[in-house]
Amino acid sequence: MELSGKTVLLGLTGGIACYKAAEFARAMIREGATVHVAMTESAQQFITPLTLQALTGNAVFTSSWDSRMANNMPHIDLPRKVDVIAVAPCTANFIAKLAHGICDDLLSTLCQARPAQVPLLVAPAMNVEMWEKPATQRNIQQLIEDGVGIMGPASGFQACGDVGKGRMLEPVELVEEVIAALQPKTMAGKRFLITAGPTFEPIDPVRGITNRSSGKMGYAIARAAWRAGAEVTLVSGPTALAAPYGVKRIDVMSAREMLDAVIASLPGQDVFISVAAVADWRVKQVSDQKIKKVAGQSTPTLEFVENPDILATVAKRPDAPYCVGFAAESENLKAYAEAKRKKKGVPLLVGNIGHETFGKDDNTLILFDANGAFELPHDTKQNLAYKLIDQLAARL
């Protein structure tokens, strides 16, 4: 659970998107967070404090004069007990209050009184016309300059019937933003290009050659890099996985398509991580029609040719970014992985025993570089991805 041990203060202001805040609170709790809620008077017109209390299991605060605090100072005590404050939904009115330091209710006051180390996130939610007004955009820019995280907004259908930007992000997206806000920004300003998943080499229009890669490790690394502040492009073979939030995904099928997408995306990248399980060979002559099984005829013979080596191709370019390879082996991992690192000319290669990890959510990684081998002990693939990003931050 990504938010285990974390405490979140969820602020609600008056908008129809308050109905999403209930699911947002539950989604954070499912990720292990403790959630406290503070609501404005307007928010209580859309959803009751009782609802949020029932969902979070904690008392909801609505007044600056709440006597449940021993010192009668909830605006001071509440923000000192949390790891992050997230205001969702956040109206144009409340954005203006934050931008100009107006403190006229509990939520605005506690946001202003929060300790410097507590991140403040806001999820704008308003009509498209209100969002686009110069005053709102000036206030948003001021919040960005003040270090406030802006979560969204999204575009789409709005409660009033308009279509455009101003919708609050969905709860699952807001959770991703909260998780990212609590991660060290060790890769801020960096650009990552990552490949993931299997490739598929056609034999005929309905058949092909592929492998058991699920893409989970590559997707976890892409997610970890984005949460660490990087701009991430993910070139993915065919998988059943949803694109990680905040990550640009480019879908491909074959090894040659993957190479083309990687080369097109390469300019300006700081790090290239080749996690994809790329087919070493492809069928030399792909049939235009389905190859039929005919009684009495011999089985067809397939002639193979070698696919391009994507990692080696990138690594030998004069403008190559920092390159990281992956090696999935069924035996002799250390010997094969180190040989592969030297052959491809990359500073870092990550090895795992392929048949033991394909499709699973956990793994063990061994990092090979010029200094030898370093093991990242068995863990979930997402936690290993965080550790790999930490290793890269130190090396970069």
Protein backbone atom coordinates (compact mmCIF):
# COMPACT_ATOMS: atom_id res chain seq x y z
CA MET A 1 0.00 0.00 0.00
CA GLU A 2 1.57 3.21 -1.25
CA LEU A 3 0.30 5.49 1.57
CA SER A 4 0.94 3.21 4.53
CA GLY A 5 1.80 5.23 7.63
CA LYS A 6 0.82 8.53 6.00
CA THR A 7 -1.82 10.96 7.27
CA VAL A 8 -3.74 13.10 4.79
CA LEU A 9 -5.86 16.13 5.54
CA LEU A 10 -8.60 16.28 2.91
CA GLY A 11 -10.20 19.69 2.43
CA LEU A 12 -13.54 20.12 0.67
CA THR A 13 -14.87 23.36 -0.77
CA GLY A 14 -18.29 24.00 -2.28
CA GLY A 15 -18.73 22.27 -5.65
CA ILE A 16 -20.67 19.42 -7.17
CA ALA A 17 -17.40 17.46 -7.39
CA CYS A 18 -17.73 16.89 -3.63
CA TYR A 19 -19.37 13.60 -4.55
CA LYS A 20 -15.98 12.45 -5.90
CA ALA A 21 -14.28 13.43 -2.64
CA ALA A 22 -16.01 10.57 -0.85
CA GLU A 23 -14.42 8.01 -3.18
CA PHE A 24 -11.12 9.91 -3.06
CA ALA A 25 -11.07 9.52 0.71
CA ARG A 26 -11.83 5.80 0.49
CA ALA A 27 -9.20 5.29 -2.22
CA MET A 28 -6.53 6.85 0.00
CA ILE A 29 -7.60 4.66 2.91
CA ARG A 30 -7.30 1.58 0.68
CA GLU A 31 -3.72 2.66 0.02
CA GLY A 32 -3.06 2.67 3.76
CA ALA A 33 -3.56 6.36 4.61
CA THR A 34 -5.24 7.84 7.66
CA VAL A 35 -7.60 10.57 6.41
CA HIS A 36 -8.90 13.60 8.31
CA VAL A 37 -11.39 15.99 6.76
CA ALA A 38 -12.01 19.72 6.99
CA MET A 39 -14.98 21.23 5.13
CA THR A 40 -16.09 24.74 4.27
CA GLU A 41 -19.67 25.84 4.90
CA SER A 42 -20.35 25.69 1.15
CA ALA A 43 -19.03 22.13 0.89
CA GLN A 44 -21.62 21.04 3.43
CA GLN A 45 -24.36 22.02 0.97
CA PHE A 46 -23.17 19.23 -1.34
CA ILE A 47 -22.13 16.44 1.05
CA THR A 48 -22.60 16.04 4.79
CA PRO A 49 -19.85 15.85 7.42
CA LEU A 50 -21.52 12.63 8.60
CA THR A 51 -20.77 10.98 5.25
CA LEU A 52 -17.07 11.82 5.43
CA GLN A 53 -16.91 10.80 9.10
CA ALA A 54 -18.46 7.43 8.30
CA LEU A 55 -16.06 6.87 5.39
CA THR A 56 -12.86 7.93 7.17
CA GLY A 57 -13.63 6.83 10.72
CA ASN A 58 -12.46 10.23 11.98
CA ALA A 59 -14.28 13.33 13.18
CA VAL A 60 -14.83 15.99 10.52
CA PHE A 61 -13.87 19.60 11.25
CA THR A 62 -16.01 22.45 9.94
CA SER A 63 -15.38 25.42 12.23
CA SER A 64 -12.43 27.53 13.35
CA TRP A 65 -14.01 27.55 16.80
CA ASP A 66 -14.20 23.77 17.23
CA SER A 67 -13.76 23.10 20.95
CA ARG A 68 -12.76 19.44 20.44
CA MET A 69 -9.17 20.64 20.28
CA ALA A 70 -7.83 21.17 23.80
CA ASN A 71 -6.45 24.60 22.90
CA ASN A 72 -9.38 25.44 20.61
CA MET A 73 -6.94 25.94 17.71
CA PRO A 74 -7.78 23.37 15.03
CA HIS A 75 -6.20 25.59 12.36
CA ILE A 76 -2.84 25.17 14.13
CA ASP A 77 -3.10 21.60 15.41
CA LEU A 78 -4.60 19.86 12.36
CA PRO A 79 -1.90 20.72 9.79
CA ARG A 80 0.85 19.79 12.24
CA LYS A 81 -0.40 16.21 12.45
CA VAL A 82 -0.48 15.39 8.73
CA ASP A 83 1.94 14.55 5.93
CA VAL A 84 0.04 16.32 3.14
CA ILE A 85 -3.01 18.56 2.65
CA ALA A 86 -5.19 17.96 -0.42
CA VAL A 87 -8.08 20.31 -1.22
CA ALA A 88 -10.47 18.48 -3.54
CA PRO A 89 -12.63 19.94 -4.90
CA CYS A 90 -11.02 23.38 -4.90
CA THR A 91 -13.24 26.17 -6.22
CA ALA A 92 -12.16 29.35 -8.02
CA ASN A 93 -13.07 31.26 -4.86
CA PHE A 94 -10.83 29.13 -2.66
CA ILE A 95 -7.98 29.31 -5.18
CA ALA A 96 -8.23 33.09 -4.96
CA LYS A 97 -8.12 32.93 -1.15
CA LEU A 98 -4.96 30.82 -1.21
CA ALA A 99 -3.29 33.04 -3.79
CA HIS A 100 -3.93 36.20 -1.77
CA GLY A 101 -3.50 34.78 1.75
CA ILE A 102 -7.12 35.31 2.79
CA CYS A 103 -7.97 33.35 5.96
CA ASP A 104 -11.65 33.64 6.77
CA ASP A 105 -12.62 30.05 7.64
CA LEU A 106 -11.02 26.91 9.07
CA LEU A 107 -9.80 25.42 5.80
CA SER A 108 -8.21 28.58 4.42
CA THR A 109 -6.61 29.32 7.77
CA LEU A 110 -5.11 25.87 8.28
CA CYS A 111 -3.72 25.92 4.74
CA GLN A 112 -1.97 29.18 5.57
CA ALA A 113 -0.79 27.86 8.95
CA ARG A 114 0.61 24.57 7.66
CA PRO A 115 4.27 23.83 8.40
CA ALA A 116 6.69 24.42 5.52
CA GLN A 117 7.41 20.68 5.14
CA VAL A 118 3.73 19.78 4.57
CA PRO A 119 2.85 19.82 0.85
CA LEU A 120 -0.37 21.54 -0.21
CA LEU A 121 -2.23 20.14 -3.23
CA VAL A 122 -5.34 21.59 -4.84
CA ALA A 123 -7.69 19.95 -7.34
CA PRO A 124 -9.44 22.74 -9.30
CA ALA A 125 -13.11 22.06 -10.01
CA MET A 126 -15.23 24.65 -11.79
CA ASN A 127 -17.04 25.64 -14.97
CA VAL A 128 -14.82 26.00 -18.04
CA GLU A 129 -15.54 29.73 -18.30
CA MET A 130 -14.46 30.26 -14.68
CA TRP A 131 -11.30 28.21 -15.23
CA GLU A 132 -10.28 30.16 -18.33
CA LYS A 133 -10.80 33.63 -16.84
CA PRO A 134 -7.55 35.66 -16.53
CA ALA A 135 -8.07 36.15 -12.79
CA THR A 136 -8.21 32.38 -12.18
CA GLN A 137 -5.15 31.77 -14.34
CA ARG A 138 -3.22 34.50 -12.52
CA ASN A 139 -4.16 32.92 -9.19
CA ILE A 140 -3.12 29.46 -10.38
CA GLN A 141 0.23 30.82 -11.53
CA GLN A 142 0.71 32.45 -8.12
CA LEU A 143 0.02 29.14 -6.37
CA ILE A 144 2.55 27.39 -8.60
CA GLU A 145 5.15 30.02 -7.74
CA ASP A 146 4.29 29.51 -4.06
CA GLY A 147 5.01 25.79 -4.36
CA VAL A 148 1.41 24.57 -4.28
CA GLY A 149 0.75 21.41 -6.31
CA ILE A 150 -1.99 21.77 -8.94
CA MET A 151 -3.83 18.50 -9.59
CA GLY A 152 -5.53 18.90 -12.95
CA PRO A 153 -8.08 19.93 -13.94
CA ALA A 154 -9.36 17.53 -16.60
CA SER A 155 -11.45 18.26 -19.67
CA GLY A 156 -14.87 16.80 -20.38
CA PHE A 157 -18.58 17.08 -19.68
CA GLN A 158 -19.49 19.31 -16.75
CA ALA A 159 -22.51 19.28 -14.44
CA CYS A 160 -23.81 22.51 -15.97
CA GLY A 161 -23.86 20.94 -19.43
CA ASP A 162 -20.75 22.68 -20.77
CA VAL A 163 -17.80 20.76 -22.17
CA GLY A 164 -14.22 21.83 -21.50
CA LYS A 165 -11.46 22.12 -18.96
CA GLY A 166 -12.39 22.46 -15.30
CA ARG A 167 -13.53 18.98 -14.25
CA MET A 168 -11.92 17.65 -11.11
CA LEU A 169 -9.62 14.69 -11.68
CA GLU A 170 -11.00 11.24 -10.94
CA PRO A 171 -10.28 9.79 -7.46
CA VAL A 172 -7.72 7.28 -8.75
CA GLU A 173 -5.82 10.10 -10.45
CA LEU A 174 -5.91 12.24 -7.31
CA VAL A 175 -4.45 9.36 -5.31
CA GLU A 176 -1.57 9.17 -7.81
CA GLU A 177 -0.94 12.89 -7.30
CA VAL A 178 -0.90 12.49 -3.50
CA ILE A 179 1.50 9.54 -3.70
CA ALA A 180 3.79 11.51 -6.01
CA ALA A 181 3.74 14.55 -3.73
CA LEU A 182 5.18 12.42 -0.92
CA GLN A 183 8.03 11.03 -3.03
CA PRO A 184 11.46 12.73 -3.08
CA LYS A 185 11.86 14.58 -6.38
CA THR A 186 15.24 13.04 -7.13
CA MET A 187 14.55 13.10 -10.88
CA ALA A 188 13.03 16.57 -11.21
CA GLY A 189 13.91 18.03 -14.60
CA LYS A 190 15.03 14.67 -16.02
CA ARG A 191 13.53 12.97 -19.05
CA PHE A 192 13.17 9.19 -19.12
CA LEU A 193 12.53 6.92 -22.09
CA ILE A 194 11.50 3.39 -21.06
CA THR A 195 10.52 0.30 -23.02
CA ALA A 196 8.30 -2.37 -21.48
CA GLY A 197 6.34 -5.51 -22.23
CA PRO A 198 6.82 -8.14 -24.93
CA THR A 199 7.06 -7.68 -28.66
CA PHE A 200 4.93 -9.61 -31.16
CA GLU A 201 6.41 -10.84 -34.44
CA PRO A 202 3.75 -11.90 -36.97
CA ILE A 203 3.84 -15.19 -38.85
CA ASP A 204 0.62 -14.58 -40.73
CA PRO A 205 -2.42 -12.30 -40.12
CA VAL A 206 -3.56 -14.33 -37.08
CA ARG A 207 -0.42 -15.93 -35.65
CA GLY A 208 2.79 -14.62 -34.22
CA ILE A 209 5.77 -15.14 -31.92
CA THR A 210 5.85 -13.44 -28.54
CA ASN A 211 6.93 -14.15 -24.95
CA ARG A 212 5.58 -14.20 -21.40
CA SER A 213 6.56 -10.67 -20.36
CA SER A 214 3.66 -8.92 -18.62
CA GLY A 215 5.23 -5.44 -18.69
CA LYS A 216 4.75 -5.02 -14.93
CA MET A 217 8.40 -4.23 -14.16
CA GLY A 218 8.72 -1.63 -16.90
CA TYR A 219 5.44 0.01 -15.99
CA ALA A 220 6.48 0.10 -12.32
CA ILE A 221 9.73 1.84 -13.26
CA ALA A 222 7.87 4.35 -15.42
CA ARG A 223 5.50 5.08 -12.53
CA ALA A 224 8.38 5.45 -10.05
CA ALA A 225 10.29 7.79 -12.36
CA TRP A 226 7.24 10.03 -12.83
CA ARG A 227 6.60 10.10 -9.09
CA ALA A 228 10.24 11.13 -8.62
CA GLY A 229 9.61 14.17 -10.83
CA ALA A 230 10.76 12.95 -14.25
CA GLU A 231 9.03 13.45 -17.58
CA VAL A 232 8.46 9.89 -18.77
CA THR A 233 7.80 8.35 -22.19
CA LEU A 234 6.91 4.67 -22.16
CA VAL A 235 7.21 2.64 -25.38
CA SER A 236 5.13 -0.45 -24.72
CA GLY A 237 4.60 -3.73 -26.46
CA PRO A 238 1.17 -5.38 -26.19
CA THR A 239 0.13 -5.71 -22.53
CA ALA A 240 -3.08 -5.76 -20.50
CA LEU A 241 -1.84 -2.92 -18.28
CA ALA A 242 -3.27 0.59 -18.09
CA ALA A 243 -0.83 3.40 -18.80
CA PRO A 244 0.71 4.75 -15.58
CA TYR A 245 -0.78 8.11 -14.61
CA GLY A 246 1.25 11.08 -15.83
CA VAL A 247 3.26 8.97 -18.30
CA LYS A 248 3.15 9.32 -22.10
CA ARG A 249 2.64 5.85 -23.59
CA ILE A 250 3.42 4.86 -27.17
CA ASP A 251 1.99 1.47 -28.20
CA VAL A 252 3.93 -0.77 -30.59
CA MET A 253 3.84 -4.43 -31.62
CA SER A 254 7.07 -5.62 -33.22
CA ALA A 255 10.74 -5.10 -32.38
CA ARG A 256 11.22 -2.89 -35.44
CA GLU A 257 8.23 -0.74 -34.46
CA MET A 258 9.69 -0.42 -30.98
CA LEU A 259 13.07 0.64 -32.37
CA ASP A 260 11.42 3.27 -34.60
CA ALA A 261 9.43 4.67 -31.65
CA VAL A 262 12.52 4.75 -29.42
CA ILE A 263 14.67 6.55 -32.01
CA ALA A 264 11.88 9.08 -32.69
CA SER A 265 11.53 9.78 -28.94
CA LEU A 266 15.26 9.81 -28.13
CA PRO A 267 16.22 13.49 -28.63
CA GLY A 268 16.53 15.29 -25.31
CA GLN A 269 16.25 12.18 -23.14
CA ASP A 270 18.50 11.88 -20.08
CA VAL A 271 17.93 8.19 -19.32
CA PHE A 272 17.00 5.22 -21.50
CA ILE A 273 15.86 2.06 -19.69
CA SER A 274 15.35 -0.97 -21.93
CA VAL A 275 13.06 -3.21 -19.88
CA ALA A 276 11.06 -4.71 -22.76
CA ALA A 277 11.51 -8.37 -23.61
CA VAL A 278 12.30 -7.83 -27.27
CA ALA A 279 12.15 -10.80 -29.65
CA ASP A 280 15.64 -11.74 -30.86
CA TRP A 281 14.29 -13.06 -34.17
CA ARG A 282 11.40 -12.53 -36.56
CA VAL A 283 9.99 -14.56 -39.44
CA LYS A 284 11.77 -13.63 -42.65
CA GLN A 285 8.69 -13.92 -44.84
CA VAL A 286 5.32 -13.10 -43.24
CA SER A 287 2.40 -14.74 -45.01
CA ASP A 288 -0.28 -12.39 -46.36
CA GLN A 289 -2.95 -15.01 -45.64
CA LYS A 290 -3.52 -17.41 -42.78
CA ILE A 291 -1.33 -20.50 -43.23
CA LYS A 292 -3.79 -23.36 -43.53
CA LYS A 293 -3.29 -26.86 -42.18
CA VAL A 294 -3.85 -29.24 -45.09
CA ALA A 295 -4.19 -32.97 -44.56
CA GLY A 296 -1.30 -34.90 -46.02
CA GLN A 297 0.99 -31.88 -46.35
CA SER A 298 4.11 -31.44 -44.25
CA THR A 299 4.26 -28.82 -41.51
CA PRO A 300 5.45 -25.40 -42.70
CA THR A 301 9.05 -24.38 -42.22
CA LEU A 302 9.73 -20.90 -40.86
CA GLU A 303 12.93 -19.06 -41.70
CA PHE A 304 14.07 -16.50 -39.13
CA VAL A 305 16.18 -13.36 -39.33
CA GLU A 306 17.69 -11.39 -36.47
CA ASN A 307 15.85 -8.39 -35.06
CA PRO A 308 17.64 -5.11 -34.37
CA ASP A 309 19.25 -4.76 -30.94
CA ILE A 310 17.47 -1.70 -29.56
CA LEU A 311 19.63 -1.20 -26.47
CA ALA A 312 22.93 -1.57 -28.35
CA THR A 313 21.70 0.72 -31.12
CA VAL A 314 20.89 3.49 -28.64
CA ALA A 315 24.01 2.96 -26.51
CA LYS A 316 26.42 3.42 -29.42
CA ARG A 317 24.91 6.70 -30.60
CA PRO A 318 27.04 9.80 -29.97
CA ASP A 319 24.06 11.49 -28.30
CA ALA A 320 23.17 8.44 -26.19
CA PRO A 321 21.54 9.10 -22.80
CA TYR A 322 22.49 7.12 -19.71
CA CYS A 323 21.52 3.59 -20.78
CA VAL A 324 20.20 0.83 -18.54
CA GLY A 325 19.55 -2.67 -19.84
CA PHE A 326 17.59 -5.60 -18.45
CA ALA A 327 18.46 -9.27 -18.74
CA ALA A 328 16.00 -12.07 -18.00
CA GLU A 329 17.80 -15.40 -17.86
CA SER A 330 16.75 -18.95 -17.01
CA GLU A 331 20.25 -19.90 -15.74
CA ASN A 332 23.73 -18.50 -15.06
CA LEU A 333 22.33 -15.03 -14.53
CA LYS A 334 25.50 -13.38 -13.26
CA ALA A 335 27.73 -14.64 -16.04
CA TYR A 336 25.27 -13.93 -18.84
CA ALA A 337 24.21 -10.53 -17.51
CA GLU A 338 27.74 -9.19 -17.08
CA ALA A 339 28.67 -10.43 -20.55
CA LYS A 340 25.58 -8.73 -21.96
CA ARG A 341 26.43 -5.45 -20.24
CA LYS A 342 29.91 -5.39 -21.76
CA LYS A 343 28.72 -6.47 -25.20
CA LYS A 344 26.08 -3.75 -25.40
CA GLY A 345 28.33 -1.10 -23.89
CA VAL A 346 25.99 0.14 -21.17
CA PRO A 347 27.01 1.41 -17.71
CA LEU A 348 24.28 -0.49 -15.86
CA LEU A 349 22.45 -3.73 -16.50
CA VAL A 350 19.70 -5.17 -14.30
CA GLY A 351 19.25 -8.92 -14.16
CA ASN A 352 16.51 -11.25 -13.03
CA ILE A 353 15.61 -14.90 -13.48
CA GLY A 354 12.95 -14.53 -16.15
CA HIS A 355 10.85 -17.66 -15.77
CA GLU A 356 10.39 -16.96 -12.05
CA THR A 357 9.08 -13.42 -12.40
CA PHE A 358 7.03 -13.16 -15.60
CA GLY A 359 3.49 -12.07 -14.75
CA LYS A 360 4.12 -11.81 -11.02
CA ASP A 361 4.01 -8.72 -8.81
CA ASP A 362 7.31 -9.39 -7.06
CA ASN A 363 10.88 -9.87 -8.14
CA THR A 364 14.56 -9.86 -7.16
CA LEU A 365 16.95 -7.65 -9.11
CA ILE A 366 20.74 -7.73 -9.40
CA LEU A 367 22.49 -4.61 -10.67
CA PHE A 368 25.67 -5.08 -12.71
CA ASP A 369 28.11 -2.25 -13.36
CA ALA A 370 31.87 -1.76 -13.68
CA ASN A 371 32.25 -2.25 -9.92
CA GLY A 372 30.55 -5.63 -9.81
CA ALA A 373 27.11 -6.88 -8.76
CA PHE A 374 24.68 -5.37 -6.26
CA GLU A 375 21.44 -7.13 -5.26
CA LEU A 376 18.11 -5.45 -4.58
CA PRO A 377 16.45 -8.04 -2.30
CA HIS A 378 13.13 -9.67 -3.07
CA ASP A 379 10.24 -7.19 -2.96
CA THR A 380 7.26 -5.99 -4.93
CA LYS A 381 8.10 -4.74 -8.39
CA GLN A 382 6.89 -1.27 -7.46
CA ASN A 383 9.18 -1.07 -4.43
CA LEU A 384 12.07 -2.40 -6.51
CA ALA A 385 11.32 0.31 -9.06
CA TYR A 386 11.66 2.97 -6.36
CA LYS A 387 14.99 1.46 -5.29
CA LEU A 388 16.23 1.38 -8.87
CA ILE A 389 15.33 5.06 -9.30
CA ASP A 390 17.29 5.81 -6.09
CA GLN A 391 20.28 3.96 -7.56
CA LEU A 392 20.02 5.95 -10.78
CA ALA A 393 19.74 9.23 -8.88
CA ALA A 394 23.01 8.44 -7.10
CA ARG A 395 24.72 7.47 -10.35
CA LEU A 396 23.49 10.44 -12.34
